[in-house]
Amino acid sequence: GLENERALAINPKMAGAHAAIGLTQFRLGQLDKARASYNREPFSLFRHTGLSIIDHQRGDKSAADKALATILAEYGDNALYQKAQILAQRGNAQDAIEALERGHEIGDAGLLLMRNDPFLDPLRSDPRFIRLLKQLGFD
C-alpha cells in the first residue's frame, strides 16, 4: 500500500507498483479502484493479468478473455504463471495447476511467488499444488 504510493511519487512509471495497489484493492473488494490501478500499470503482463481477473470478477467475460488472450499472444510460455493466476481465480484448478507444472518444467521464475500469492489461494488445498510447493522447496 503506502510503500507503493511513495515509490510512485518518486517514479510514476515504476513497474509493479500499480499492480500491487490493485491487488490490495481487489482483496478489499474494491473492484472499480482495483481496475483503475491495473489500468495504470505500465508493465503489460501485470496490467492484463489484473484486468483479466478483475473483469471476470465483475462479470465481463469478454473483456476478461481479451486480456488473457493479449497476455498469451504477447508472452506465450513466459506468462504461464500469470495464466495460472487467472485460471485459479476463474475456478479452473485443473488448467491452473497444469500451467504451474509446465512453468516448473521450463523454469518460470514466477513460481517463486506462489507460496504467498493470494491469486492462487483457490488452489491451496489441491494435492497437486501442495506437491508442487514441496518440489520448489516450500513447506
Protein backbone atom coordinates (compact mmCIF):
# COMPACT_ATOMS: atom_id res chain seq x y z
CA GLY A 1 0.00 0.00 0.00
CA LEU A 2 1.81 3.04 1.34
CA GLU A 3 5.27 1.91 0.18
CA ASN A 4 3.98 1.57 -3.38
CA GLU A 5 2.39 5.02 -3.26
CA ARG A 6 5.69 6.52 -2.06
CA ALA A 7 7.59 4.69 -4.79
CA LEU A 8 5.16 6.02 -7.40
CA ALA A 9 5.64 9.56 -6.09
CA ILE A 10 9.34 9.17 -6.86
CA ASN A 11 8.91 7.24 -10.11
CA PRO A 12 5.35 7.28 -11.56
CA LYS A 13 6.33 4.75 -14.25
CA MET A 14 7.66 2.13 -11.83
CA ALA A 15 6.64 -1.36 -12.94
CA GLY A 16 4.65 -3.40 -10.48
CA ALA A 17 3.56 -0.69 -8.05
CA HIS A 18 0.14 -0.05 -9.59
CA ALA A 19 -0.41 -3.82 -9.81
CA ALA A 20 0.45 -4.21 -6.11
CA ILE A 21 -2.01 -1.46 -5.22
CA GLY A 22 -4.62 -3.08 -7.48
CA LEU A 23 -4.12 -6.43 -5.75
CA THR A 24 -4.68 -4.82 -2.35
CA GLN A 25 -7.83 -3.10 -3.61
CA PHE A 26 -9.04 -6.36 -5.16
CA ARG A 27 -8.60 -8.17 -1.84
CA LEU A 28 -10.60 -5.40 -0.15
CA GLY A 29 -13.41 -5.91 -2.65
CA GLN A 30 -12.83 -2.51 -4.26
CA LEU A 31 -13.11 -3.78 -7.83
CA ASP A 32 -13.54 -0.40 -9.55
CA LYS A 33 -10.49 1.04 -7.78
CA ALA A 34 -8.52 -2.13 -8.48
CA ARG A 35 -9.39 -1.97 -12.17
CA ALA A 36 -8.28 1.67 -12.32
CA SER A 37 -4.98 0.79 -10.65
CA TYR A 38 -4.32 -2.09 -13.03
CA ASN A 39 -5.13 0.19 -15.97
CA ARG A 40 -2.31 2.50 -14.81
CA GLU A 41 0.22 -0.35 -14.56
CA PRO A 42 2.94 0.22 -17.20
CA PHE A 43 4.07 -3.44 -17.39
CA SER A 44 1.54 -5.04 -19.73
CA LEU A 45 1.93 -8.54 -18.26
CA PHE A 46 0.89 -7.34 -14.80
CA ARG A 47 -1.73 -4.94 -16.22
CA HIS A 48 -3.54 -7.54 -18.32
CA THR A 49 -3.33 -10.23 -15.63
CA GLY A 50 -5.04 -7.95 -13.13
CA LEU A 51 -7.59 -6.75 -15.65
CA SER A 52 -8.48 -10.30 -16.66
CA ILE A 53 -9.06 -11.26 -13.02
CA ILE A 54 -10.97 -8.08 -12.16
CA ASP A 55 -13.12 -8.14 -15.31
CA HIS A 56 -14.01 -11.80 -14.71
CA GLN A 57 -14.99 -10.95 -11.13
CA ARG A 58 -17.14 -8.09 -12.42
CA GLY A 59 -18.91 -10.42 -14.86
CA ASP A 60 -17.35 -9.03 -18.06
CA LYS A 61 -16.25 -12.36 -19.55
CA SER A 62 -15.46 -10.83 -22.94
CA ALA A 63 -13.03 -8.27 -21.50
CA ALA A 64 -11.53 -10.90 -19.19
CA ASP A 65 -10.93 -13.29 -22.09
CA LYS A 66 -9.48 -10.50 -24.23
CA ALA A 67 -6.95 -9.60 -21.52
CA LEU A 68 -5.93 -13.26 -21.17
CA ALA A 69 -5.59 -13.61 -24.95
CA THR A 70 -3.39 -10.49 -25.02
CA ILE A 71 -1.07 -11.98 -22.39
CA LEU A 72 -0.78 -15.29 -24.23
CA ALA A 73 -0.18 -13.57 -27.57
CA GLU A 74 2.47 -11.20 -26.18
CA TYR A 75 4.27 -13.52 -23.76
CA GLY A 76 3.43 -17.15 -24.64
CA ASP A 77 5.05 -19.58 -22.20
CA ASN A 78 6.68 -16.67 -20.37
CA ALA A 79 3.21 -15.98 -18.94
CA LEU A 80 2.40 -19.45 -17.60
CA TYR A 81 2.41 -18.20 -14.02
CA GLN A 82 0.04 -15.34 -14.84
CA LYS A 83 -2.17 -17.73 -16.80
CA ALA A 84 -2.34 -19.91 -13.67
CA GLN A 85 -3.29 -16.90 -11.55
CA ILE A 86 -6.14 -16.05 -13.91
CA LEU A 87 -7.39 -19.63 -14.19
CA ALA A 88 -7.23 -20.13 -10.43
CA GLN A 89 -9.39 -17.04 -9.93
CA ARG A 90 -11.85 -18.39 -12.50
CA GLY A 91 -12.18 -21.62 -10.55
CA ASN A 92 -10.36 -23.70 -13.17
CA ALA A 93 -7.96 -25.53 -10.83
CA GLN A 94 -7.06 -28.29 -13.31
CA ASP A 95 -5.76 -25.96 -16.02
CA ALA A 96 -4.22 -23.58 -13.47
CA ILE A 97 -2.13 -26.35 -11.94
CA GLU A 98 -1.17 -27.65 -15.37
CA ALA A 99 0.12 -24.16 -16.21
CA LEU A 100 2.13 -24.08 -12.97
CA GLU A 101 3.53 -27.55 -13.64
CA ARG A 102 4.52 -26.51 -17.17
CA GLY A 103 6.07 -23.36 -15.71
CA HIS A 104 8.08 -25.53 -13.32
CA GLU A 105 9.31 -27.65 -16.24
CA ILE A 106 10.62 -24.62 -18.12
CA GLY A 107 11.89 -22.69 -15.07
CA ASP A 108 9.31 -19.89 -14.87
CA ALA A 109 10.65 -17.50 -12.21
CA GLY A 110 7.11 -16.50 -11.24
CA LEU A 111 6.77 -19.75 -9.32
CA LEU A 112 8.92 -18.22 -6.59
CA LEU A 113 5.85 -16.15 -5.66
CA MET A 114 3.34 -18.97 -5.48
CA ARG A 115 3.69 -19.76 -1.78
CA ASN A 116 2.10 -16.45 -0.75
CA ASP A 117 0.25 -15.30 -3.87
CA PRO A 118 -3.39 -14.52 -3.00
CA PHE A 119 -4.45 -15.05 -6.62
CA LEU A 120 -3.52 -18.73 -6.16
CA ASP A 121 -5.49 -19.16 -2.92
CA PRO A 122 -8.20 -21.26 -4.63
CA LEU A 123 -5.52 -23.92 -5.29
CA ARG A 124 -4.05 -24.18 -1.78
CA SER A 125 -5.83 -27.39 -0.73
CA ASP A 126 -5.22 -29.23 -4.01
CA PRO A 127 -2.72 -32.08 -3.50
CA ARG A 128 -1.02 -31.28 -6.83
CA PHE A 129 -0.44 -27.69 -5.70
CA ILE A 130 0.93 -28.88 -2.35
CA ARG A 131 3.24 -31.33 -4.16
CA LEU A 132 4.50 -28.59 -6.46
CA LEU A 133 5.23 -26.33 -3.48
CA LYS A 134 7.30 -29.14 -1.96
CA GLN A 135 9.15 -29.68 -5.26
CA LEU A 136 10.04 -25.99 -5.21
CA GLY A 137 11.36 -26.28 -1.65
CA PHE A 138 8.45 -24.58 0.11
CA ASP A 139 6.84 -26.09 3.22
